[in-house]
């Protein structure tokens, strides 16, 4: 028995086909005859190409994970001395992202390669974890600075207090118009870490988004 595809409309697909997470893009027909020692066995093959519906993953994955990254970024605006508050914010966002990634992997079929959504969830978890590490490091530096300043104050307490010099109008004007870079250099190390993290953290996440979406759009066009 030999199987052959019809020339016209070999595969009929119902018009009301609806899948929850996918849309049928196209299908192709081919032959897959098997050649063995006992003869040739006829075989027909049809390949279906599906595309994931982006709206489902936008609301279930991309928006929630982006919100978690933003919440982790807000921890840099909390005073570095309040380590407990910073740790709570960072740990909660990290746990939520881990649970989100676990629930997502449970709904997807297991594959042997890295998917685009794996890259997204992995990078979001990495950003939140880095926020946690930076917060702990900044709090440690802040506590070290406080200890050092207390020791310095005790050593200087035996010396005579210097006579304060009143600031003139020119001095006040100079202090008022100090540029941002000079003010940044005058900050303590813990404050510098927070300021750099507040700026660099969203910039790197924005750069990751540009690379991620541009590469995925080019792959989808192919």
Protein backbone atom coordinates (compact mmCIF):
# COMPACT_ATOMS: atom_id res chain seq x y z
CA UNK A 1 0.00 0.00 0.00
CA UNK A 2 1.34 3.40 -1.04
CA UNK A 3 0.19 6.64 0.55
CA UNK A 4 0.18 9.91 -1.36
CA UNK A 5 -0.89 13.44 -0.49
CA UNK A 6 -3.67 15.11 -2.43
CA UNK A 7 -2.50 17.92 -4.69
CA UNK A 8 -5.15 20.39 -3.57
CA UNK A 9 -5.85 21.03 0.08
CA UNK A 10 -4.22 17.87 1.48
CA UNK A 11 -4.92 18.83 5.11
CA UNK A 12 -8.19 20.32 6.29
CA UNK A 13 -7.99 22.50 9.38
CA UNK A 14 -11.18 23.63 11.04
CA UNK A 15 -11.77 27.37 10.90
CA UNK A 16 -12.73 27.66 14.56
CA UNK A 17 -9.48 26.10 15.82
CA UNK A 18 -8.52 27.83 19.06
CA UNK A 19 -5.66 27.04 21.42
CA UNK A 20 -5.12 28.76 24.74
CA UNK A 21 -1.45 29.63 24.36
CA UNK A 22 -0.69 29.03 20.67
CA UNK A 23 -1.83 30.03 17.21
CA UNK A 24 -1.37 27.89 14.11
CA UNK A 25 0.87 29.68 11.62
CA UNK A 26 1.28 27.14 8.80
CA UNK A 27 1.74 23.48 8.02
CA UNK A 28 3.73 21.56 5.42
CA UNK A 29 3.30 18.06 4.04
CA UNK A 30 6.05 15.62 3.21
CA UNK A 31 6.84 11.93 2.78
CA UNK A 32 8.70 9.80 5.32
CA UNK A 33 8.99 6.45 3.54
CA UNK A 34 10.90 3.85 5.52
CA UNK A 35 13.42 1.72 3.64
CA UNK A 36 14.17 -1.60 5.36
CA UNK A 37 15.56 -4.99 4.37
CA UNK A 38 12.03 -6.31 3.95
CA UNK A 39 10.92 -3.53 1.64
CA UNK A 40 9.77 0.07 1.44
CA UNK A 41 6.94 1.19 3.70
CA UNK A 42 4.99 4.23 2.67
CA UNK A 43 4.66 7.07 5.19
CA UNK A 44 3.07 10.52 5.24
CA UNK A 45 4.21 13.40 7.42
CA UNK A 46 2.70 16.76 8.22
CA UNK A 47 4.55 19.47 10.12
CA UNK A 48 2.56 22.09 12.03
CA UNK A 49 4.14 25.39 12.99
CA UNK A 50 2.67 27.09 16.03
CA UNK A 51 3.40 30.46 17.53
CA UNK A 52 3.06 31.30 21.19
CA UNK A 53 0.49 33.95 22.02
CA UNK A 54 2.45 36.85 23.46
CA UNK A 55 -0.47 38.37 25.38
CA UNK A 56 -0.65 35.38 27.73
CA UNK A 57 3.04 35.55 28.69
CA UNK A 58 2.96 39.34 28.82
CA UNK A 59 0.39 39.35 31.62
CA UNK A 60 1.59 36.20 33.38
CA UNK A 61 5.38 36.49 33.15
CA UNK A 62 6.87 39.69 31.71
CA UNK A 63 4.87 42.32 33.58
CA UNK A 64 5.02 40.60 37.02
CA UNK A 65 8.76 39.89 36.75
CA UNK A 66 9.45 43.48 35.63
CA UNK A 67 7.50 44.74 38.63
CA UNK A 68 9.62 42.56 40.93
CA UNK A 69 12.81 44.01 39.46
CA UNK A 70 11.48 47.55 39.99
CA UNK A 71 10.55 46.75 43.60
CA UNK A 72 14.06 45.40 44.18
CA UNK A 73 15.44 48.65 42.74
CA UNK A 74 13.38 50.63 45.28
CA UNK A 75 15.40 49.01 48.07
CA UNK A 76 18.33 51.25 47.08
CA UNK A 77 16.27 54.27 48.15
CA UNK A 78 15.92 52.95 51.70
CA UNK A 79 18.53 54.17 54.17
CA UNK A 80 21.52 51.83 54.22
CA UNK A 81 21.33 51.75 58.03
CA UNK A 82 17.94 50.02 57.85
CA UNK A 83 19.26 46.64 56.81
CA UNK A 84 16.15 44.73 57.93
CA UNK A 85 13.81 46.71 55.67
CA UNK A 86 16.14 46.35 52.71
CA UNK A 87 16.56 42.63 53.27
CA UNK A 88 12.80 42.09 53.52
CA UNK A 89 12.15 43.89 50.22
CA UNK A 90 14.92 42.06 48.37
CA UNK A 91 14.16 38.62 49.80
CA UNK A 92 10.43 38.85 49.10
CA UNK A 93 11.01 39.85 45.47
CA UNK A 94 13.58 37.08 45.07
CA UNK A 95 11.20 34.46 46.48
CA UNK A 96 8.30 35.68 44.32
CA UNK A 97 10.45 35.50 41.19
CA UNK A 98 11.66 32.01 42.10
CA UNK A 99 8.09 30.82 42.59
CA UNK A 100 7.06 32.46 39.31
CA UNK A 101 9.86 30.73 37.42
CA UNK A 102 9.01 27.38 39.02
CA UNK A 103 5.32 27.69 38.17
CA UNK A 104 6.16 28.71 34.62
CA UNK A 105 8.50 25.76 34.06
CA UNK A 106 5.79 23.41 35.31
CA UNK A 107 3.44 24.56 32.53
CA UNK A 108 6.01 24.35 29.73
CA UNK A 109 7.19 21.12 28.11
CA UNK A 110 10.72 20.06 29.13
CA UNK A 111 13.30 20.77 26.42
CA UNK A 112 17.04 20.24 26.19
CA UNK A 113 17.83 23.81 25.12
CA UNK A 114 17.48 27.26 26.66
CA UNK A 115 14.38 29.16 25.61
CA UNK A 116 13.89 32.92 25.42
CA UNK A 117 11.62 32.93 28.44
CA UNK A 118 14.29 31.04 30.40
CA UNK A 119 16.73 33.83 29.61
CA UNK A 120 14.21 36.45 30.76
CA UNK A 121 13.36 34.80 34.08
CA UNK A 122 17.01 33.96 34.72
CA UNK A 123 18.14 37.54 34.17
CA UNK A 124 15.33 38.93 36.34
CA UNK A 125 16.33 36.61 39.18
CA UNK A 126 19.96 37.68 38.67
CA UNK A 127 19.05 41.38 38.88
CA UNK A 128 17.06 40.87 42.09
CA UNK A 129 19.86 38.76 43.59
CA UNK A 130 22.40 41.48 42.75
CA UNK A 131 20.15 44.03 44.46
CA UNK A 132 20.18 41.86 47.58
CA UNK A 133 23.98 41.55 47.51
CA UNK A 134 24.46 45.30 46.97
CA UNK A 135 22.12 46.15 49.84
CA UNK A 136 23.98 43.85 52.23
CA UNK A 137 27.36 45.22 51.12
CA UNK A 138 26.22 48.85 51.46
CA UNK A 139 24.83 48.18 54.94
CA UNK A 140 28.10 46.53 55.96
CA UNK A 141 30.12 49.49 54.70
CA UNK A 142 27.75 51.89 56.48
CA UNK A 143 28.16 50.09 59.82
CA UNK A 144 31.96 50.10 59.38
CA UNK A 145 31.88 53.83 58.68
CA UNK A 146 29.76 54.48 61.78
CA UNK A 147 32.20 52.51 63.95
CA UNK A 148 35.16 54.42 62.50
CA UNK A 149 33.46 57.79 63.00
CA UNK A 150 32.65 56.96 66.63
CA UNK A 151 36.28 56.06 67.32
CA UNK A 152 37.42 59.28 65.69
CA UNK A 153 34.95 61.32 67.72
CA UNK A 154 36.21 59.78 70.96
CA UNK A 155 39.81 60.58 70.06
CA UNK A 156 38.98 64.18 69.18
CA UNK A 157 36.87 64.76 72.30
CA UNK A 158 39.97 65.53 74.39
CA UNK A 159 41.05 68.31 72.03
CA UNK A 160 39.77 71.85 72.24
CA UNK A 161 36.81 72.59 70.08
CA UNK A 162 37.76 74.82 67.12
CA UNK A 163 36.21 78.20 66.89
CA UNK A 164 33.62 78.24 64.17
CA UNK A 165 34.12 80.67 61.33
CA UNK A 166 30.90 82.26 60.11
CA UNK A 167 30.18 81.66 56.47
CA UNK A 168 30.20 84.70 54.31
CA UNK A 169 27.85 85.29 51.41
CA UNK A 170 30.51 84.25 48.93
CA UNK A 171 31.05 80.96 50.82
CA UNK A 172 27.33 80.23 50.86
CA UNK A 173 27.12 80.97 47.17
CA UNK A 174 30.01 78.63 46.44
CA UNK A 175 28.44 75.80 48.46
CA UNK A 176 25.11 76.37 46.77
CA UNK A 177 26.48 76.01 43.29
CA UNK A 178 28.67 73.01 43.82
CA UNK A 179 28.32 70.69 40.89
CA UNK A 180 26.84 67.25 41.26
CA UNK A 181 30.16 65.47 40.83
CA UNK A 182 31.77 67.33 43.70
CA UNK A 183 28.83 66.54 45.96
CA UNK A 184 29.11 62.90 44.95
CA UNK A 185 32.81 62.81 45.88
CA UNK A 186 32.03 64.22 49.30
CA UNK A 187 29.60 61.41 50.09
CA UNK A 188 30.54 58.43 52.24
CA UNK A 189 31.33 55.15 50.50
CA UNK A 190 28.00 53.58 51.51
CA UNK A 191 26.10 56.53 50.04
CA UNK A 192 28.19 56.34 46.86
CA UNK A 193 27.27 52.67 46.47
CA UNK A 194 23.57 53.50 46.78
CA UNK A 195 23.78 56.39 44.32
CA UNK A 196 25.64 54.30 41.73
CA UNK A 197 23.17 51.42 42.18
CA UNK A 198 20.17 53.74 41.79
CA UNK A 199 21.47 54.84 38.40
CA UNK A 200 23.28 51.77 37.06
CA UNK A 201 20.63 49.20 38.06
CA UNK A 202 17.79 50.53 35.84
CA UNK A 203 20.23 51.39 33.04
CA UNK A 204 21.56 47.84 32.84
CA UNK A 205 18.03 46.40 33.00
CA UNK A 206 16.95 48.76 30.21
CA UNK A 207 19.99 47.70 28.15
CA UNK A 208 19.09 44.05 28.72
CA UNK A 209 15.54 44.75 27.50
CA UNK A 210 16.86 46.33 24.30
CA UNK A 211 19.10 43.34 23.56
CA UNK A 212 16.44 40.80 24.54
CA UNK A 213 13.54 42.20 22.53
CA UNK A 214 15.64 43.08 19.49
CA UNK A 215 17.14 39.59 19.30
CA UNK A 216 13.79 37.89 19.79
CA UNK A 217 12.06 40.05 17.20
CA UNK A 218 14.74 39.23 14.63
CA UNK A 219 14.41 35.51 15.39
CA UNK A 220 10.63 35.62 15.06
CA UNK A 221 10.92 37.35 11.69
CA UNK A 222 13.09 34.54 10.42
